[in-house]
Each structure stands twice: as C-alpha cells, then as structure tokens.
Amino acid sequence: MDFLKELNDKFPIRKTQTQKDAFRRYVLGKAAEKEVDAKIEQNGKNKNVVIGNPLTAEVIFTAHYDTPNASLFPNLMMPINKGLFYAYQFLIIAVLLLVSITPAIVIGMGVLQSEIAYAGIFLALYFGLFLLGFKTFINKNNANDNTSGVATVLTIMKSLDKEKLSKVAFILFDNEEKGLLGSKAYKKDHKQEIKDKLLINFDCVGNGDNILLLAKPKAEENQNFTRLKTVFTSGDGFTVGFYSSKKSVANSDQKNFEQGVACVACKKSKRGILYTPYIHTAKDIVADDKNIEFITNKIIEFVNS
C-alpha cells in the first residue's frame, strides 16, 4: 500500500488535462479494487473524484490532487503563527515592489524624465516578475504538496473493510492551486446535503513530526470531532495538536465547508515555530511513509469508534 512511492513514480505532476486524466483513471481503478462506487463529478473546468457516497457518509475525507507551479519564493506555511505567516506574505510583496520600483525610477524618472514611462516600467516589471516567479514554471517535485495528502486518502480507503467504507466517503478535489476551485464547485452543487458532515482535509501531511488539526467552529461542535480528538493522540514519535481555525491559518479546501478540519504536518524550529517548508519549490521532495502510516492508523481507529 505504498501509494506515496507509486504516485511519485507514475504521476509526479498533475497539471495538464492529460496528466490529470491518467491520474483519475488510476484512482477509479483503485476504488474498483475495493468494490467502492467512484465517479468523476464535473462542474465547469473542475473534475472532482468522488469515492463512496458523501451524502450518506458520516465523515468525508478529502485532499486536492492537482499540483502547483514553481514559486520564486517558497510557500512557507506557518499554521498557528498567523502574524508571522502574513508578515512573510507582505515581505514577498515588498521585495517585488522594491525590485520593480528602483529601475522604474532610474529609467522612467531619471533617464526618460516621464511619469508615464515610470508607471509603465514599474507595472511591466512588477507583473512580469509576478508571472515569472509564480505562474510560469511547472513544479516537478510535489511529494508533500499534495501527493502526501492523496496517498493518505487512498491508504485510508485501502485499509478499511467494506462495512466501514459504507460509513465514510472520499473526495479528491481538482484545482485547489487555482483558488480552491474544485471544492467551491462541489460545495455549490451539494451545499445542503453536506452542511452537517465532518470533513477532514489532508494537505501537506508528509514532512514534519507535528500533526496539526485545525477545526472550524461548527466542526468542533460535531460529536464525531469529539471522537476524533479522543483517538487522534500523540505517539510513535509524533506530536498531535488541535487548534481552532479562528486562531490559525490553513489555505486549503476545508475552508469551503462549514465543518471543515485541516490536517497538516509541520516541523518545529529551534524557536518553537511550527512550519511546513519547501512548498511550491523544487525542494518539495520529502514526504515520509511514517507520516502516512501514523495518520492512517489514527483515522482507522477513529472510524472504528
């Protein structure tokens, strides 16, 4: 059940429609092996893979399967340090502004002595650098983001027996990297049917021995979330922490659902800051099978409860 290796070997990039189609066929085949109903739900350009029946399931497990572009700056996640996270985002903007405005002043105002030239050069540099740094190059290494999340979902599905599979469902969302579009489309189509469902989303769970679960207020009121907190405890070298989404930040698909819970793995710095490194960069090559095993075992215990 080493889905992590198989996915990295066969589908390291899931960006083009051809790459996504091949991956979706693979997932449908894995569901067929477990004799679980699975389908592709399309809404516009989004194609979500739905396994089981989310409308009758007690809990839904999700992950996004699309992979990102390479970024000039790492997408450094600091889930429970909102201040540092937003400071880092502003730092990126400041660097882009500084790099753009300096030559614009020198050439536009100094050499050409034209405010129009200054504005044109500044805008061209700023948006050119943005596109070059965040939108142009496809990232070839996506072990943690989000092959680790997909591997976790598939491992959970593979590990549950037929009886337990009837109590849960799985959704692999499309186009998370474009603005959570796949999950937005799914919610639009099924808002009333799933508003009372606990939804646990796995995103970047492969790198770090601190497993964080960040719950929205409605999720914290769900009795299944109480069960989750009871069984999903620290151990085997992993530290587990539960946090409210009000005091944390995790920009992934669970945000679109009333009872969404984010599951993410973090490292801890010498200063005690929890962070997830290398996202959206060529260094995203670290995802540990032990993480998948630990999370899967805890989820199986949860489902059995």
C-alpha atoms as a PDB file:
ATOM      1  CA  MET A   1       0.000   0.000   0.000  1.00  0.00           C
ATOM      2  CA  ASP A   2       2.916   2.325  -0.716  1.00  0.00           C
ATOM      3  CA  PHE A   3       0.806   4.869  -2.583  1.00  0.00           C
ATOM      4  CA  LEU A   4       3.334   7.605  -1.861  1.00  0.00           C
ATOM      5  CA  LYS A   5       6.040   5.958  -3.967  1.00  0.00           C
ATOM      6  CA  GLU A   6       3.644   4.820  -6.674  1.00  0.00           C
ATOM      7  CA  LEU A   7       2.133   8.274  -7.099  1.00  0.00           C
ATOM      8  CA  ASN A   8       5.541   9.967  -7.155  1.00  0.00           C
ATOM      9  CA  ASP A   9       6.750   7.476  -9.747  1.00  0.00           C
ATOM     10  CA  LYS A  10       3.688   7.452 -12.014  1.00  0.00           C
ATOM     11  CA  PHE A  11       2.043  10.843 -11.523  1.00  0.00           C
ATOM     12  CA  PRO A  12       4.619  13.311 -10.134  1.00  0.00           C
ATOM     13  CA  ILE A  13       2.944  16.209 -11.979  1.00  0.00           C
ATOM     14  CA  ARG A  14      -0.845  16.526 -12.185  1.00  0.00           C
ATOM     15  CA  LYS A  15      -1.201  19.796 -14.045  1.00  0.00           C
ATOM     16  CA  THR A  16      -2.365  19.248 -17.632  1.00  0.00           C
ATOM     17  CA  GLN A  17      -5.648  17.575 -18.525  1.00  0.00           C
ATOM     18  CA  THR A  18      -3.752  14.585 -19.920  1.00  0.00           C
ATOM     19  CA  GLN A  19      -1.835  14.165 -16.655  1.00  0.00           C
ATOM     20  CA  LYS A  20      -4.996  14.582 -14.597  1.00  0.00           C
ATOM     21  CA  ASP A  21      -6.970  12.136 -16.761  1.00  0.00           C
ATOM     22  CA  ALA A  22      -4.328   9.450 -16.259  1.00  0.00           C
ATOM     23  CA  PHE A  23      -4.350  10.037 -12.507  1.00  0.00           C
ATOM     24  CA  ARG A  24      -8.158   9.956 -12.308  1.00  0.00           C
ATOM     25  CA  ARG A  25      -8.286   6.628 -14.168  1.00  0.00           C
ATOM     26  CA  TYR A  26      -5.766   5.253 -11.688  1.00  0.00           C
ATOM     27  CA  VAL A  27      -7.902   6.330  -8.717  1.00  0.00           C
ATOM     28  CA  LEU A  28     -11.073   4.868 -10.234  1.00  0.00           C
ATOM     29  CA  GLY A  29      -9.194   1.604 -10.676  1.00  0.00           C
ATOM     30  CA  LYS A  30      -8.095   1.572  -7.022  1.00  0.00           C
ATOM     31  CA  ALA A  31     -11.678   2.196  -5.920  1.00  0.00           C
ATOM     32  CA  ALA A  32     -12.891  -0.662  -8.151  1.00  0.00           C
ATOM     33  CA  GLU A  33     -10.404  -2.987  -6.457  1.00  0.00           C
ATOM     34  CA  LYS A  34     -12.141  -2.208  -3.156  1.00  0.00           C
ATOM     35  CA  GLU A  35     -15.564  -2.558  -4.804  1.00  0.00           C
ATOM     36  CA  VAL A  36     -16.420   1.011  -3.867  1.00  0.00           C
ATOM     37  CA  ASP A  37     -18.501   3.194  -6.147  1.00  0.00           C
ATOM     38  CA  ALA A  38     -16.466   6.042  -7.606  1.00  0.00           C
ATOM     39  CA  LYS A  39     -17.136   8.699 -10.181  1.00  0.00           C
ATOM     40  CA  ILE A  40     -15.865  11.934 -11.637  1.00  0.00           C
ATOM     41  CA  GLU A  41     -18.100  14.931 -10.958  1.00  0.00           C
ATOM     42  CA  GLN A  42     -17.542  17.792 -13.361  1.00  0.00           C
ATOM     43  CA  ASN A  43     -18.503  21.392 -12.692  1.00  0.00           C
ATOM     44  CA  GLY A  44     -17.115  23.715 -15.327  1.00  0.00           C
ATOM     45  CA  LYS A  45     -13.404  23.006 -15.672  1.00  0.00           C
ATOM     46  CA  ASN A  46     -13.259  21.209 -12.307  1.00  0.00           C
ATOM     47  CA  LYS A  47     -13.260  17.419 -12.204  1.00  0.00           C
ATOM     48  CA  ASN A  48     -13.512  16.063  -8.661  1.00  0.00           C
ATOM     49  CA  VAL A  49     -13.090  12.350  -7.955  1.00  0.00           C
ATOM     50  CA  VAL A  50     -15.813  11.162  -5.570  1.00  0.00           C
ATOM     51  CA  ILE A  51     -15.450   7.776  -3.868  1.00  0.00           C
ATOM     52  CA  GLY A  52     -18.350   6.358  -1.891  1.00  0.00           C
ATOM     53  CA  ASN A  53     -21.456   8.392  -1.125  1.00  0.00           C
ATOM     54  CA  PRO A  54     -20.741  11.703   0.652  1.00  0.00           C
ATOM     55  CA  LEU A  55     -24.474  12.328   1.059  1.00  0.00           C
ATOM     56  CA  THR A  56     -24.949   9.304   3.360  1.00  0.00           C
ATOM     57  CA  ALA A  57     -21.455   9.142   4.885  1.00  0.00           C
ATOM     58  CA  GLU A  58     -20.861  10.172   8.482  1.00  0.00           C
ATOM     59  CA  VAL A  59     -17.425  11.637   7.690  1.00  0.00           C
ATOM     60  CA  ILE A  60     -15.779  12.784   4.456  1.00  0.00           C
ATOM     61  CA  PHE A  61     -12.013  12.590   3.877  1.00  0.00           C
ATOM     62  CA  THR A  62     -10.541  14.858   1.216  1.00  0.00           C
ATOM     63  CA  ALA A  63      -7.342  16.060  -0.473  1.00  0.00           C
ATOM     64  CA  HIS A  64      -6.561  18.046  -3.594  1.00  0.00           C
ATOM     65  CA  TYR A  65      -4.849  16.163  -6.396  1.00  0.00           C
ATOM     66  CA  ASP A  66      -3.648  18.979  -8.661  1.00  0.00           C
ATOM     67  CA  THR A  67      -0.046  20.135  -8.356  1.00  0.00           C
ATOM     68  CA  PRO A  68       1.304  23.727  -8.307  1.00  0.00           C
ATOM     69  CA  ASN A  69       3.597  25.929 -10.320  1.00  0.00           C
ATOM     70  CA  ALA A  70       7.099  26.567  -9.068  1.00  0.00           C
ATOM     71  CA  SER A  71       7.415  29.729  -6.988  1.00  0.00           C
ATOM     72  CA  LEU A  72      10.183  32.300  -6.768  1.00  0.00           C
ATOM     73  CA  PHE A  73       9.516  32.314  -3.026  1.00  0.00           C
ATOM     74  CA  PRO A  74       8.636  29.128  -1.082  1.00  0.00           C
ATOM     75  CA  ASN A  75       5.014  28.938   0.045  1.00  0.00           C
ATOM     76  CA  LEU A  76       6.065  28.826   3.701  1.00  0.00           C
ATOM     77  CA  MET A  77       3.140  27.629   5.804  1.00  0.00           C
ATOM     78  CA  MET A  78       3.009  28.565   9.495  1.00  0.00           C
ATOM     79  CA  PRO A  79      -0.475  27.384  10.500  1.00  0.00           C
ATOM     80  CA  ILE A  80      -0.603  28.563  14.119  1.00  0.00           C
ATOM     81  CA  ASN A  81       1.548  31.671  13.684  1.00  0.00           C
ATOM     82  CA  LYS A  82      -0.841  33.905  11.771  1.00  0.00           C
ATOM     83  CA  GLY A  83       1.205  37.037  12.402  1.00  0.00           C
ATOM     84  CA  LEU A  84       4.411  35.546  11.001  1.00  0.00           C
ATOM     85  CA  PHE A  85       2.543  33.979   8.097  1.00  0.00           C
ATOM     86  CA  TYR A  86       1.046  37.307   6.978  1.00  0.00           C
ATOM     87  CA  ALA A  87       4.326  39.118   7.640  1.00  0.00           C
ATOM     88  CA  TYR A  88       6.012  36.684   5.252  1.00  0.00           C
ATOM     89  CA  GLN A  89       3.361  37.375   2.588  1.00  0.00           C
ATOM     90  CA  PHE A  90       3.898  41.132   2.956  1.00  0.00           C
ATOM     91  CA  LEU A  91       7.675  40.594   2.727  1.00  0.00           C
ATOM     92  CA  ILE A  92       7.241  38.919  -0.647  1.00  0.00           C
ATOM     93  CA  ILE A  93       5.157  41.846  -1.889  1.00  0.00           C
ATOM     94  CA  ALA A  94       7.720  44.318  -0.518  1.00  0.00           C
ATOM     95  CA  VAL A  95      10.573  42.584  -2.338  1.00  0.00           C
ATOM     96  CA  LEU A  96       8.660  42.581  -5.626  1.00  0.00           C
ATOM     97  CA  LEU A  97       7.822  46.271  -5.186  1.00  0.00           C
ATOM     98  CA  LEU A  98      11.405  47.183  -4.365  1.00  0.00           C
ATOM     99  CA  VAL A  99      12.841  45.248  -7.283  1.00  0.00           C
ATOM    100  CA  SER A 100      10.291  46.839  -9.625  1.00  0.00           C
ATOM    101  CA  ILE A 101      10.278  50.410  -8.414  1.00  0.00           C
ATOM    102  CA  THR A 102      14.047  51.004  -8.344  1.00  0.00           C
ATOM    103  CA  PRO A 103      14.763  50.563 -12.079  1.00  0.00           C
ATOM    104  CA  ALA A 104      11.443  52.282 -12.868  1.00  0.00           C
ATOM    105  CA  ILE A 105      12.601  55.402 -11.012  1.00  0.00           C
ATOM    106  CA  VAL A 106      16.092  55.318 -12.529  1.00  0.00           C
ATOM    107  CA  ILE A 107      14.933  54.814 -16.117  1.00  0.00           C
ATOM    108  CA  GLY A 108      11.479  56.403 -16.133  1.00  0.00           C
ATOM    109  CA  MET A 109      12.082  59.463 -13.972  1.00  0.00           C
ATOM    110  CA  GLY A 110      15.844  59.785 -14.387  1.00  0.00           C
ATOM    111  CA  VAL A 111      16.716  58.898 -17.969  1.00  0.00           C
ATOM    112  CA  LEU A 112      13.381  59.448 -19.717  1.00  0.00           C
ATOM    113  CA  GLN A 113      12.030  62.002 -17.242  1.00  0.00           C
ATOM    114  CA  SER A 114       8.490  60.830 -17.827  1.00  0.00           C
ATOM    115  CA  GLU A 115       5.897  59.863 -15.252  1.00  0.00           C
ATOM    116  CA  ILE A 116       4.103  57.777 -17.859  1.00  0.00           C
ATOM    117  CA  ALA A 117       7.307  55.896 -18.638  1.00  0.00           C
ATOM    118  CA  TYR A 118       7.924  55.408 -14.904  1.00  0.00           C
ATOM    119  CA  ALA A 119       4.417  53.940 -14.380  1.00  0.00           C
ATOM    120  CA  GLY A 120       4.687  51.714 -17.441  1.00  0.00           C
ATOM    121  CA  ILE A 121       8.097  50.347 -16.494  1.00  0.00           C
ATOM    122  CA  PHE A 122       7.018  49.758 -12.888  1.00  0.00           C
ATOM    123  CA  LEU A 123       3.835  47.877 -13.842  1.00  0.00           C
ATOM    124  CA  ALA A 124       5.612  45.827 -16.501  1.00  0.00           C
ATOM    125  CA  LEU A 125       8.352  44.805 -14.077  1.00  0.00           C
ATOM    126  CA  TYR A 126       6.028  44.084 -11.148  1.00  0.00           C
ATOM    127  CA  PHE A 127       3.542  41.929 -13.038  1.00  0.00           C
ATOM    128  CA  GLY A 128       6.288  40.410 -15.175  1.00  0.00           C
ATOM    129  CA  LEU A 129       8.180  39.306 -12.079  1.00  0.00           C
ATOM    130  CA  PHE A 130       4.959  38.027 -10.508  1.00  0.00           C
ATOM    131  CA  LEU A 131       4.101  35.907 -13.541  1.00  0.00           C
ATOM    132  CA  LEU A 132       7.684  34.710 -13.894  1.00  0.00           C
ATOM    133  CA  GLY A 133       8.006  33.909 -10.218  1.00  0.00           C
ATOM    134  CA  PHE A 134       4.652  32.281  -9.536  1.00  0.00           C
ATOM    135  CA  LYS A 135       2.784  31.369 -12.718  1.00  0.00           C
ATOM    136  CA  THR A 136       5.249  30.408 -15.437  1.00  0.00           C
ATOM    137  CA  PHE A 137       7.143  27.273 -14.457  1.00  0.00           C
ATOM    138  CA  ILE A 138       5.540  23.958 -13.510  1.00  0.00           C
ATOM    139  CA  ASN A 139       6.916  22.431 -10.342  1.00  0.00           C
ATOM    140  CA  LYS A 140       8.274  18.927 -10.967  1.00  0.00           C
ATOM    141  CA  ASN A 141       8.564  17.916  -7.318  1.00  0.00           C
ATOM    142  CA  ASN A 142       5.328  17.682  -5.338  1.00  0.00           C
ATOM    143  CA  ALA A 143       5.959  14.962  -2.794  1.00  0.00           C
ATOM    144  CA  ASN A 144       4.400  16.842   0.113  1.00  0.00           C
ATOM    145  CA  ASP A 145       2.010  19.162  -1.766  1.00  0.00           C
ATOM    146  CA  ASN A 146      -0.103  17.305  -2.259  1.00  0.00           C
ATOM    147  CA  THR A 147       0.953  13.788  -3.150  1.00  0.00           C
ATOM    148  CA  SER A 148       1.159  13.113   0.579  1.00  0.00           C
ATOM    149  CA  GLY A 149      -2.496  14.068   1.054  1.00  0.00           C
ATOM    150  CA  VAL A 150      -3.672  11.954  -1.876  1.00  0.00           C
ATOM    151  CA  ALA A 151      -1.612   8.997  -0.636  1.00  0.00           C
ATOM    152  CA  THR A 152      -3.218   9.365   2.796  1.00  0.00           C
ATOM    153  CA  VAL A 153      -6.743   9.306   1.371  1.00  0.00           C
ATOM    154  CA  LEU A 154      -6.009   6.261  -0.782  1.00  0.00           C
ATOM    155  CA  THR A 155      -4.284   4.442   2.079  1.00  0.00           C
ATOM    156  CA  ILE A 156      -7.274   5.045   4.369  1.00  0.00           C
ATOM    157  CA  MET A 157      -9.620   3.743   1.660  1.00  0.00           C
ATOM    158  CA  LYS A 158      -7.442   0.681   1.090  1.00  0.00           C
ATOM    159  CA  SER A 159      -7.217  -0.059   4.816  1.00  0.00           C
ATOM    160  CA  LEU A 160     -10.932  -0.025   5.667  1.00  0.00           C
ATOM    161  CA  ASP A 161     -13.187  -3.045   5.291  1.00  0.00           C
ATOM    162  CA  LYS A 162     -16.465  -2.982   3.364  1.00  0.00           C
ATOM    163  CA  GLU A 163     -18.613  -2.260   6.421  1.00  0.00           C
ATOM    164  CA  LYS A 164     -16.541   0.730   7.478  1.00  0.00           C
ATOM    165  CA  LEU A 165     -16.284   2.029   3.929  1.00  0.00           C
ATOM    166  CA  SER A 166     -20.069   2.369   3.901  1.00  0.00           C
ATOM    167  CA  LYS A 167     -19.813   4.927   6.739  1.00  0.00           C
ATOM    168  CA  VAL A 168     -17.309   7.257   5.054  1.00  0.00           C
ATOM    169  CA  ALA A 169     -16.613   8.889   1.706  1.00  0.00           C
ATOM    170  CA  PHE A 170     -13.604  10.359  -0.051  1.00  0.00           C
ATOM    171  CA  ILE A 171     -13.239  13.310  -2.420  1.00  0.00           C
ATOM    172  CA  LEU A 172     -10.125  14.279  -4.354  1.00  0.00           C
ATOM    173  CA  PHE A 173     -10.562  17.911  -5.350  1.00  0.00           C
ATOM    174  CA  ASP A 174      -9.359  19.490  -8.568  1.00  0.00           C
ATOM    175  CA  ASN A 175      -7.829  22.970  -8.981  1.00  0.00           C
ATOM    176  CA  GLU A 176      -7.061  23.763  -5.351  1.00  0.00           C
ATOM    177  CA  GLU A 177      -3.926  25.529  -6.528  1.00  0.00           C
ATOM    178  CA  LYS A 178      -6.027  27.885  -8.662  1.00  0.00           C
ATOM    179  CA  GLY A 179      -8.037  29.141  -5.695  1.00  0.00           C
ATOM    180  CA  LEU A 180      -9.833  26.148  -4.133  1.00  0.00           C
ATOM    181  CA  LEU A 181     -11.988  25.966  -7.267  1.00  0.00           C
ATOM    182  CA  GLY A 182     -12.787  22.248  -7.177  1.00  0.00           C
ATOM    183  CA  SER A 183     -14.051  22.309  -3.606  1.00  0.00           C
ATOM    184  CA  LYS A 184     -16.003  25.523  -4.257  1.00  0.00           C
ATOM    185  CA  ALA A 185     -17.720  23.811  -7.174  1.00  0.00           C
ATOM    186  CA  TYR A 186     -18.530  20.738  -5.087  1.00  0.00           C
ATOM    187  CA  LYS A 187     -19.985  22.820  -2.276  1.00  0.00           C
ATOM    188  CA  LYS A 188     -22.105  24.777  -4.768  1.00  0.00           C
ATOM    189  CA  ASP A 189     -23.623  21.542  -6.061  1.00  0.00           C
ATOM    190  CA  HIS A 190     -24.114  19.851  -2.663  1.00  0.00           C
ATOM    191  CA  LYS A 191     -24.287  22.598  -0.054  1.00  0.00           C
ATOM    192  CA  GLN A 192     -27.403  21.447   1.782  1.00  0.00           C
ATOM    193  CA  GLU A 193     -26.578  17.733   1.681  1.00  0.00           C
ATOM    194  CA  ILE A 194     -23.142  18.082   3.277  1.00  0.00           C
ATOM    195  CA  LYS A 195     -23.522  21.062   5.600  1.00  0.00           C
ATOM    196  CA  ASP A 196     -23.754  18.781   8.656  1.00  0.00           C
ATOM    197  CA  LYS A 197     -20.903  16.490   7.623  1.00  0.00           C
ATOM    198  CA  LEU A 198     -17.499  16.496   9.297  1.00  0.00           C
ATOM    199  CA  LEU A 199     -14.931  16.919   6.522  1.00  0.00           C
ATOM    200  CA  ILE A 200     -11.233  16.221   7.175  1.00  0.00           C
ATOM    201  CA  ASN A 201      -8.851  17.562   4.527  1.00  0.00           C
ATOM    202  CA  PHE A 202      -5.288  16.267   4.189  1.00  0.00           C
ATOM    203  CA  ASP A 203      -2.873  18.752   2.636  1.00  0.00           C
ATOM    204  CA  CYS A 204       0.924  18.611   3.052  1.00  0.00           C
ATOM    205  CA  VAL A 205       0.944  15.855   5.666  1.00  0.00           C
ATOM    206  CA  GLY A 206       4.229  14.196   4.698  1.00  0.00           C
ATOM    207  CA  ASN A 207       7.001  16.420   6.068  1.00  0.00           C
ATOM    208  CA  GLY A 208       7.191  17.001   9.819  1.00  0.00           C
ATOM    209  CA  ASP A 209       6.520  15.130  13.050  1.00  0.00           C
ATOM    210  CA  ASN A 210       3.974  17.645  14.370  1.00  0.00           C
ATOM    211  CA  ILE A 211       0.496  16.789  13.103  1.00  0.00           C
ATOM    212  CA  LEU A 212      -1.918  19.708  13.392  1.00  0.00           C
ATOM    213  CA  LEU A 213      -5.694  19.523  13.095  1.00  0.00           C
ATOM    214  CA  LEU A 214      -7.315  22.921  12.586  1.00  0.00           C
ATOM    215  CA  ALA A 215     -11.090  22.890  13.021  1.00  0.00           C
ATOM    216  CA  LYS A 216     -13.775  25.370  12.073  1.00  0.00           C
ATOM    217  CA  PRO A 217     -16.218  26.289  14.896  1.00  0.00           C
ATOM    218  CA  LYS A 218     -19.074  24.161  13.525  1.00  0.00           C
ATOM    219  CA  ALA A 219     -16.758  21.166  13.254  1.00  0.00           C
ATOM    220  CA  GLU A 220     -15.782  21.499  16.900  1.00  0.00           C
ATOM    221  CA  GLU A 221     -19.463  21.047  17.818  1.00  0.00           C
ATOM    222  CA  ASN A 222     -19.769  17.780  15.881  1.00  0.00           C
ATOM    223  CA  GLN A 223     -19.815  14.642  18.052  1.00  0.00           C
ATOM    224  CA  ASN A 224     -17.587  12.894  15.535  1.00  0.00           C
ATOM    225  CA  PHE A 225     -14.983  15.597  16.079  1.00  0.00           C
ATOM    226  CA  THR A 226     -15.098  14.799  19.799  1.00  0.00           C
ATOM    227  CA  ARG A 227     -14.401  11.164  18.906  1.00  0.00           C
ATOM    228  CA  LEU A 228     -11.560  12.289  16.643  1.00  0.00           C
ATOM    229  CA  LYS A 229      -9.900  14.229  19.484  1.00  0.00           C
ATOM    230  CA  THR A 230     -10.199  11.197  21.753  1.00  0.00           C
ATOM    231  CA  VAL A 231      -8.351   8.790  19.459  1.00  0.00           C
ATOM    232  CA  PHE A 232      -6.064  11.090  17.442  1.00  0.00           C
ATOM    233  CA  THR A 233      -3.407  11.458  20.123  1.00  0.00           C
ATOM    234  CA  SER A 234       0.379  11.882  20.192  1.00  0.00           C
ATOM    235  CA  GLY A 235       2.623   8.845  19.958  1.00  0.00           C
ATOM    236  CA  ASP A 236       5.107   6.891  17.823  1.00  0.00           C
ATOM    237  CA  GLY A 237       7.355   9.958  17.629  1.00  0.00           C
ATOM    238  CA  PHE A 238       4.559  12.307  16.516  1.00  0.00           C
ATOM    239  CA  THR A 239       3.070  15.226  18.426  1.00  0.00           C
ATOM    240  CA  VAL A 240      -0.592  15.943  17.703  1.00  0.00           C
ATOM    241  CA  GLY A 241      -2.204  19.330  18.288  1.00  0.00           C
ATOM    242  CA  PHE A 242      -5.799  20.518  17.846  1.00  0.00           C
ATOM    243  CA  TYR A 243      -6.412  24.204  17.117  1.00  0.00           C
ATOM    244  CA  SER A 244      -9.329  26.437  16.198  1.00  0.00           C
ATOM    245  CA  SER A 245      -9.388  27.793  12.656  1.00  0.00           C
ATOM    246  CA  LYS A 246     -10.103  31.229  14.183  1.00  0.00           C
ATOM    247  CA  LYS A 247      -6.590  31.336  15.623  1.00  0.00           C
ATOM    248  CA  SER A 248      -4.783  29.557  12.808  1.00  0.00           C
ATOM    249  CA  VAL A 249      -4.358  29.691   9.051  1.00  0.00           C
ATOM    250  CA  ALA A 250      -4.518  26.860   6.527  1.00  0.00           C
ATOM    251  CA  ASN A 251      -5.396  27.861   2.981  1.00  0.00           C
ATOM    252  CA  SER A 252      -6.825  24.644   1.625  1.00  0.00           C
ATOM    253  CA  ASP A 253     -10.129  23.085   0.609  1.00  0.00           C
ATOM    254  CA  GLN A 254     -11.574  22.616   4.109  1.00  0.00           C
ATOM    255  CA  LYS A 255     -12.128  26.394   4.187  1.00  0.00           C
ATOM    256  CA  ASN A 256     -15.111  25.986   1.865  1.00  0.00           C
ATOM    257  CA  PHE A 257     -17.054  23.740   4.240  1.00  0.00           C
ATOM    258  CA  GLU A 258     -18.908  24.588   7.440  1.00  0.00           C
ATOM    259  CA  GLN A 259     -17.452  21.619   9.296  1.00  0.00           C
ATOM    260  CA  GLY A 260     -14.034  21.533   7.692  1.00  0.00           C
ATOM    261  CA  VAL A 261     -10.931  20.305   9.517  1.00  0.00           C
ATOM    262  CA  ALA A 262      -7.438  20.770   8.094  1.00  0.00           C
ATOM    263  CA  CYS A 263      -4.772  18.161   8.743  1.00  0.00           C
ATOM    264  CA  VAL A 264      -1.195  19.309   8.083  1.00  0.00           C
ATOM    265  CA  ALA A 265       2.282  18.173   9.139  1.00  0.00           C
ATOM    266  CA  CYS A 266       4.837  20.670  10.422  1.00  0.00           C
ATOM    267  CA  LYS A 267       8.425  20.849  11.516  1.00  0.00           C
ATOM    268  CA  LYS A 268       9.405  22.792  14.640  1.00  0.00           C
ATOM    269  CA  SER A 269      12.170  25.400  14.549  1.00  0.00           C
ATOM    270  CA  LYS A 270      14.642  25.981  17.359  1.00  0.00           C
ATOM    271  CA  ARG A 271      12.460  28.911  18.413  1.00  0.00           C
ATOM    272  CA  GLY A 272       9.406  26.672  18.602  1.00  0.00           C
ATOM    273  CA  ILE A 273       7.744  27.897  15.393  1.00  0.00           C
ATOM    274  CA  LEU A 274       5.753  25.233  13.556  1.00  0.00           C
ATOM    275  CA  TYR A 275       6.205  25.449   9.783  1.00  0.00           C
ATOM    276  CA  THR A 276       5.948  23.443   6.585  1.00  0.00           C
ATOM    277  CA  PRO A 277       8.899  24.102   4.242  1.00  0.00           C
ATOM    278  CA  TYR A 278       9.631  23.840   0.510  1.00  0.00           C
ATOM    279  CA  ILE A 279       6.046  24.018  -0.759  1.00  0.00           C
ATOM    280  CA  HIS A 280       5.842  25.057  -4.454  1.00  0.00           C
ATOM    281  CA  THR A 281       9.597  24.613  -4.940  1.00  0.00           C
ATOM    282  CA  ALA A 282      11.915  22.035  -6.483  1.00  0.00           C
ATOM    283  CA  LYS A 283      12.901  21.035  -2.938  1.00  0.00           C
ATOM    284  CA  ASP A 284       9.467  19.533  -2.272  1.00  0.00           C
ATOM    285  CA  ILE A 285      10.912  16.015  -2.376  1.00  0.00           C
ATOM    286  CA  VAL A 286      10.357  14.993   1.252  1.00  0.00           C
ATOM    287  CA  ALA A 287       7.280  13.008   2.264  1.00  0.00           C
ATOM    288  CA  ASP A 288       7.636  10.235   4.817  1.00  0.00           C
ATOM    289  CA  ASP A 289       5.723   6.950   4.723  1.00  0.00           C
ATOM    290  CA  LYS A 290       5.728   7.022   8.522  1.00  0.00           C
ATOM    291  CA  ASN A 291       3.517  10.120   8.433  1.00  0.00           C
ATOM    292  CA  ILE A 292       1.011   8.382   6.174  1.00  0.00           C
ATOM    293  CA  GLU A 293       1.065   5.277   8.376  1.00  0.00           C
ATOM    294  CA  PHE A 294       0.581   7.224  11.605  1.00  0.00           C
ATOM    295  CA  ILE A 295      -2.297   9.326  10.264  1.00  0.00           C
ATOM    296  CA  THR A 296      -3.967   6.321   8.628  1.00  0.00           C
ATOM    297  CA  ASN A 297      -3.808   4.279  11.829  1.00  0.00           C
ATOM    298  CA  LYS A 298      -5.367   7.114  13.824  1.00  0.00           C
ATOM    299  CA  ILE A 299      -8.112   7.616  11.236  1.00  0.00           C
ATOM    300  CA  ILE A 300      -8.899   3.892  11.177  1.00  0.00           C
ATOM    301  CA  GLU A 301      -9.184   3.947  14.957  1.00  0.00           C
ATOM    302  CA  PHE A 302     -11.463   6.964  14.629  1.00  0.00           C
ATOM    303  CA  VAL A 303     -13.704   5.281  12.037  1.00  0.00           C
ATOM    304  CA  ASN A 304     -13.871   2.146  14.166  1.00  0.00           C
ATOM    305  CA  SER A 305     -15.099   4.281  17.070  1.00  0.00           C
END
